[in-house]
């Protein structure tokens, strides 16, 4: 597949006059690495990765929730379709073939973040006002399907059994926000930064590369809070609501950070132009 890649790095969105006006900065960048096609192991390709760099610019040690949940270097996408209705694994080769070049020349925004467990990425047309009611674009489910296939291919039997048994968590519990559990069982959900430290998380953009199209990645500016959200269902009212679980002010010598942060946008285009 002949691919022409266009990479555009937009200017930093400064919130206070200069880069380090906030104690925390979360910077986005894209790098390219040599790898192998998921179903053509003898075919060398250039694989894109989105890097999320967390930087502590202050003299205080901080902890806070990650922008998104990293599962095998892949994100979660908003999608309600179930791809595991039985004990049979999905035919990922057919899914891959079906999705190739689905969105060539289309332009999307990708918003990352939130206080829910998993902290999904939502992809929507760049002409949509996400602050208003809108339908989830089908591209989200296409990306979800491709990501699940890549996960299954990376560690097929283990990951499939985890899904079947419900071991992979999809929500925060009240016990999760206890200091000892934040430092242990759910530590991968958080960033712990001493003064001057940085931490880099990266995500494979191969699902986007397969679908083609242009994608602008950005972080929800309402991302870092002093609480997390977990969905609850009221059987009497027959509706769901958000329950706030307050995060502890101090965990293992790290203070909770819940203020603004500096960030930027990054745009990547895949496909013929």
Protein backbone atom coordinates (compact mmCIF):
# COMPACT_ATOMS: atom_id res chain seq x y z
CA UNK A 1 0.00 0.00 0.00
CA UNK A 2 1.52 3.23 -1.17
CA UNK A 3 1.31 5.75 1.63
CA UNK A 4 2.24 9.38 1.72
CA UNK A 5 2.53 10.74 5.25
CA UNK A 6 2.16 14.35 6.27
CA UNK A 7 3.11 15.40 9.78
CA UNK A 8 2.17 18.82 11.13
CA UNK A 9 3.16 19.97 14.60
CA UNK A 10 1.04 22.90 15.76
CA UNK A 11 2.23 25.64 18.10
CA UNK A 12 2.00 25.07 21.85
CA UNK A 13 -1.16 26.41 23.46
CA UNK A 14 0.33 28.67 26.07
CA UNK A 15 -1.91 29.29 29.04
CA UNK A 16 0.16 31.79 30.96
CA UNK A 17 2.56 33.59 28.64
CA UNK A 18 5.36 31.02 28.43
CA UNK A 19 5.86 27.26 28.33
CA UNK A 20 6.39 26.75 32.06
CA UNK A 21 3.62 29.02 33.30
CA UNK A 22 1.96 25.94 34.81
CA UNK A 23 3.56 23.40 37.13
CA UNK A 24 2.68 20.55 34.79
CA UNK A 25 3.00 20.33 31.02
CA UNK A 26 1.67 17.47 28.91
CA UNK A 27 3.26 17.54 25.49
CA UNK A 28 2.24 15.60 22.38
CA UNK A 29 4.59 14.51 19.60
CA UNK A 30 4.73 11.82 16.93
CA UNK A 31 7.73 9.64 16.11
CA UNK A 32 8.22 7.02 13.41
CA UNK A 33 9.76 3.61 13.98
CA UNK A 34 10.65 0.63 11.81
CA UNK A 35 8.39 -2.34 12.40
CA UNK A 36 6.48 -5.14 10.70
CA UNK A 37 3.05 -5.29 9.13
CA UNK A 38 0.64 -6.98 11.53
CA UNK A 39 -0.25 -9.73 9.00
CA UNK A 40 2.90 -9.59 6.86
CA UNK A 41 5.69 -10.29 9.31
CA UNK A 42 8.30 -10.24 6.56
CA UNK A 43 7.18 -6.79 5.39
CA UNK A 44 9.05 -3.88 6.99
CA UNK A 45 6.93 -0.75 7.43
CA UNK A 46 7.22 2.61 9.18
CA UNK A 47 5.05 2.65 12.30
CA UNK A 48 3.82 5.93 13.87
CA UNK A 49 3.65 6.42 17.62
CA UNK A 50 2.04 9.21 19.62
CA UNK A 51 4.21 10.25 22.57
CA UNK A 52 2.65 11.87 25.64
CA UNK A 53 5.35 13.57 27.70
CA UNK A 54 4.44 14.55 31.27
CA UNK A 55 6.76 17.18 32.76
CA UNK A 56 6.95 18.55 36.31
CA UNK A 57 8.20 22.14 36.14
CA UNK A 58 7.84 22.93 39.86
CA UNK A 59 9.65 22.23 43.12
CA UNK A 60 6.89 19.99 44.49
CA UNK A 61 6.51 16.24 43.84
CA UNK A 62 3.11 15.60 42.24
CA UNK A 63 0.84 12.73 41.24
CA UNK A 64 -2.27 12.82 39.06
CA UNK A 65 -4.37 10.66 36.74
CA UNK A 66 -2.92 9.83 33.34
CA UNK A 67 -4.51 11.39 30.29
CA UNK A 68 -5.53 7.92 29.08
CA UNK A 69 -5.29 4.28 29.99
CA UNK A 70 -2.46 2.50 28.20
CA UNK A 71 -3.23 -1.10 27.30
CA UNK A 72 -0.47 -2.71 25.24
CA UNK A 73 0.45 0.76 23.93
CA UNK A 74 -3.04 1.21 22.52
CA UNK A 75 -5.86 3.48 23.73
CA UNK A 76 -9.55 2.84 24.31
CA UNK A 77 -12.12 4.25 21.89
CA UNK A 78 -15.75 5.18 22.50
CA UNK A 79 -17.73 2.31 21.03
CA UNK A 80 -20.74 0.31 22.27
CA UNK A 81 -20.44 -2.59 19.82
CA UNK A 82 -19.47 -5.91 21.37
CA UNK A 83 -16.89 -7.82 19.37
CA UNK A 84 -16.83 -10.92 21.58
CA UNK A 85 -20.41 -12.34 21.52
CA UNK A 86 -19.17 -15.94 21.85
CA UNK A 87 -16.13 -17.97 22.75
CA UNK A 88 -14.83 -17.57 19.20
CA UNK A 89 -12.12 -15.02 18.54
CA UNK A 90 -12.94 -12.43 15.85
CA UNK A 91 -11.55 -12.91 12.36
CA UNK A 92 -9.06 -10.08 12.58
CA UNK A 93 -7.71 -10.61 9.10
CA UNK A 94 -11.17 -9.88 7.63
CA UNK A 95 -11.55 -6.87 9.92
CA UNK A 96 -8.19 -5.54 8.75
CA UNK A 97 -9.09 -5.98 5.08
CA UNK A 98 -12.51 -4.38 5.54
CA UNK A 99 -11.10 -1.27 7.19
CA UNK A 100 -8.25 -0.44 4.80
CA UNK A 101 -8.52 3.05 3.28
CA UNK A 102 -11.93 3.64 4.85
CA UNK A 103 -11.46 7.35 5.63
CA UNK A 104 -8.92 8.62 3.14
CA UNK A 105 -8.89 12.47 2.80
CA UNK A 106 -11.31 12.96 5.74
CA UNK A 107 -10.34 15.20 8.67
CA UNK A 108 -10.96 14.36 12.33
CA UNK A 109 -10.18 15.67 15.82
CA UNK A 110 -9.17 13.15 18.48
CA UNK A 111 -9.91 14.26 22.06
CA UNK A 112 -8.07 12.33 24.76
CA UNK A 113 -8.92 12.25 28.43
CA UNK A 114 -11.60 12.26 31.09
CA UNK A 115 -12.08 11.06 34.66
CA UNK A 116 -13.65 7.69 33.82
CA UNK A 117 -11.70 4.47 34.06
CA UNK A 118 -10.08 3.88 30.69
CA UNK A 119 -10.27 7.54 29.65
CA UNK A 120 -11.35 6.98 26.09
CA UNK A 121 -10.26 8.70 22.93
CA UNK A 122 -13.17 10.17 20.98
CA UNK A 123 -12.74 10.78 17.26
CA UNK A 124 -15.12 13.17 15.53
CA UNK A 125 -15.28 15.22 12.33
CA UNK A 126 -13.41 18.50 12.64
CA UNK A 127 -16.61 20.38 11.68
CA UNK A 128 -18.48 19.09 14.77
CA UNK A 129 -18.84 21.10 17.99
CA UNK A 130 -18.10 18.41 20.57
CA UNK A 131 -19.57 20.54 23.40
CA UNK A 132 -23.04 20.03 21.87
CA UNK A 133 -25.02 16.76 21.63
CA UNK A 134 -23.69 14.61 18.80
CA UNK A 135 -23.55 11.03 17.60
CA UNK A 136 -20.36 9.02 17.92
CA UNK A 137 -18.77 8.71 14.51
CA UNK A 138 -18.43 5.18 13.11
CA UNK A 139 -14.66 5.70 12.88
CA UNK A 140 -14.50 5.13 16.67
CA UNK A 141 -15.80 1.56 16.34
CA UNK A 142 -13.53 0.88 13.38
CA UNK A 143 -10.52 2.01 15.43
CA UNK A 144 -11.75 -0.03 18.40
CA UNK A 145 -12.02 -3.19 16.28
CA UNK A 146 -8.55 -2.74 14.80
CA UNK A 147 -7.02 -2.05 18.22
CA UNK A 148 -8.56 -5.18 19.69
CA UNK A 149 -7.18 -7.23 16.81
CA UNK A 150 -3.70 -5.84 17.36
CA UNK A 151 -3.96 -6.61 21.08
CA UNK A 152 -5.08 -10.16 20.31
CA UNK A 153 -2.23 -10.59 17.87
CA UNK A 154 0.32 -9.35 20.43
CA UNK A 155 -0.72 -11.84 23.11
CA UNK A 156 -3.67 -13.70 21.66
CA UNK A 157 -4.60 -16.37 24.20
CA UNK A 158 -3.83 -14.33 27.31
CA UNK A 159 -5.72 -11.21 26.24
CA UNK A 160 -8.74 -13.12 24.93
CA UNK A 161 -9.08 -15.03 28.20
CA UNK A 162 -8.84 -11.74 30.14
CA UNK A 163 -11.75 -10.34 28.12
CA UNK A 164 -13.88 -13.47 28.53
CA UNK A 165 -13.36 -13.64 32.29
CA UNK A 166 -13.99 -9.93 32.81
CA UNK A 167 -10.60 -9.47 34.46
CA UNK A 168 -9.89 -6.27 32.54
CA UNK A 169 -11.45 -3.53 34.65
CA UNK A 170 -13.73 -0.89 33.16
CA UNK A 171 -14.52 1.29 36.20
CA UNK A 172 -13.09 2.76 39.38
CA UNK A 173 -14.23 1.35 42.71
CA UNK A 174 -14.23 3.27 46.05
CA UNK A 175 -11.39 1.07 47.29
CA UNK A 176 -9.28 2.04 44.27
CA UNK A 177 -8.76 5.59 45.51
CA UNK A 178 -7.17 4.56 48.81
CA UNK A 179 -3.49 5.65 48.94
CA UNK A 180 -2.20 2.08 49.27
CA UNK A 181 -4.10 0.96 46.15
CA UNK A 182 -3.07 4.00 44.11
CA UNK A 183 0.51 3.01 44.88
CA UNK A 184 -0.09 -0.64 44.10
CA UNK A 185 -3.04 -2.19 42.23
CA UNK A 186 -3.92 0.81 40.02
CA UNK A 187 -0.58 2.63 39.95
CA UNK A 188 -0.47 2.34 36.15
CA UNK A 189 -3.46 4.68 35.99
CA UNK A 190 -1.41 7.54 37.48
CA UNK A 191 1.69 9.60 36.82
CA UNK A 192 4.14 10.16 39.71
CA UNK A 193 6.60 13.00 39.07
CA UNK A 194 9.27 14.32 41.37
CA UNK A 195 10.38 17.92 40.87
CA UNK A 196 11.96 18.32 37.42
CA UNK A 197 11.11 14.77 36.31
CA UNK A 198 9.48 13.71 33.05
CA UNK A 199 7.53 10.59 32.12
CA UNK A 200 6.77 9.48 28.57
CA UNK A 201 3.84 7.29 27.55
CA UNK A 202 3.41 6.23 23.94
CA UNK A 203 0.58 4.80 21.86
CA UNK A 204 0.66 3.02 18.53
CA UNK A 205 -1.15 4.89 15.75
CA UNK A 206 -1.25 1.84 13.48
CA UNK A 207 -5.10 1.66 13.58
CA UNK A 208 -5.23 5.25 12.29
CA UNK A 209 -2.59 4.44 9.69
CA UNK A 210 -4.70 1.52 8.42
CA UNK A 211 -7.88 3.61 8.16
CA UNK A 212 -6.05 6.59 6.61
CA UNK A 213 -7.29 10.19 6.90
CA UNK A 214 -6.07 13.25 8.85
CA UNK A 215 -6.23 13.31 12.65
CA UNK A 216 -5.57 16.18 15.07
CA UNK A 217 -4.79 14.88 18.57
CA UNK A 218 -5.53 17.08 21.59
CA UNK A 219 -6.00 16.69 25.32
CA UNK A 220 -9.19 17.61 27.15
CA UNK A 221 -8.29 20.77 29.07
CA UNK A 222 -10.66 19.67 31.86
CA UNK A 223 -8.57 16.55 32.38
CA UNK A 224 -6.67 16.88 35.67
CA UNK A 225 -9.11 16.85 38.60
CA UNK A 226 -9.10 16.10 42.32
CA UNK A 227 -11.46 13.17 41.74
CA UNK A 228 -12.29 10.36 39.32
CA UNK A 229 -15.71 9.40 38.01
CA UNK A 230 -17.42 6.04 38.10
CA UNK A 231 -20.82 5.27 36.52
CA UNK A 232 -23.66 4.21 38.79
CA UNK A 233 -27.14 3.01 37.84
CA UNK A 234 -30.17 4.02 39.87
CA UNK A 235 -32.69 1.18 39.48
CA UNK A 236 -35.52 3.28 40.91
CA UNK A 237 -34.96 6.24 38.62
CA UNK A 238 -33.87 3.92 35.82
CA UNK A 239 -30.99 6.10 34.78
CA UNK A 240 -27.23 6.26 35.14
CA UNK A 241 -25.34 9.03 36.88
CA UNK A 242 -21.73 9.94 37.64
CA UNK A 243 -20.35 9.33 41.10
CA UNK A 244 -17.27 11.32 42.14
CA UNK A 245 -14.55 9.47 44.02
CA UNK A 246 -12.24 11.97 45.70
CA UNK A 247 -8.51 11.37 45.33
CA UNK A 248 -6.29 11.65 48.42
CA UNK A 249 -4.34 14.89 48.83
CA UNK A 250 -1.09 13.00 49.47
CA UNK A 251 0.11 9.58 48.24
CA UNK A 252 3.56 8.23 49.09
CA UNK A 253 5.08 11.67 49.42
CA UNK A 254 3.46 12.99 46.23
CA UNK A 255 0.93 15.83 46.41
CA UNK A 256 -2.21 15.64 44.27
CA UNK A 257 -2.08 17.99 41.28
CA UNK A 258 -5.50 19.19 40.10
CA UNK A 259 -4.93 22.47 38.29
CA UNK A 260 -4.31 23.66 34.75
CA UNK A 261 -1.50 22.43 32.53
CA UNK A 262 0.29 23.43 29.33
CA UNK A 263 -0.27 21.30 26.26
CA UNK A 264 -0.29 21.33 22.47
CA UNK A 265 -1.96 19.74 19.45
CA UNK A 266 -0.41 17.49 16.83
CA UNK A 267 -1.83 16.54 13.41
CA UNK A 268 -0.95 13.47 11.39
CA UNK A 269 -2.23 12.65 7.90
CA UNK A 270 -2.14 9.18 6.37
CA UNK A 271 -2.86 8.27 2.77
CA UNK A 272 -2.78 9.69 -0.73
CA UNK A 273 -3.04 13.45 -1.12
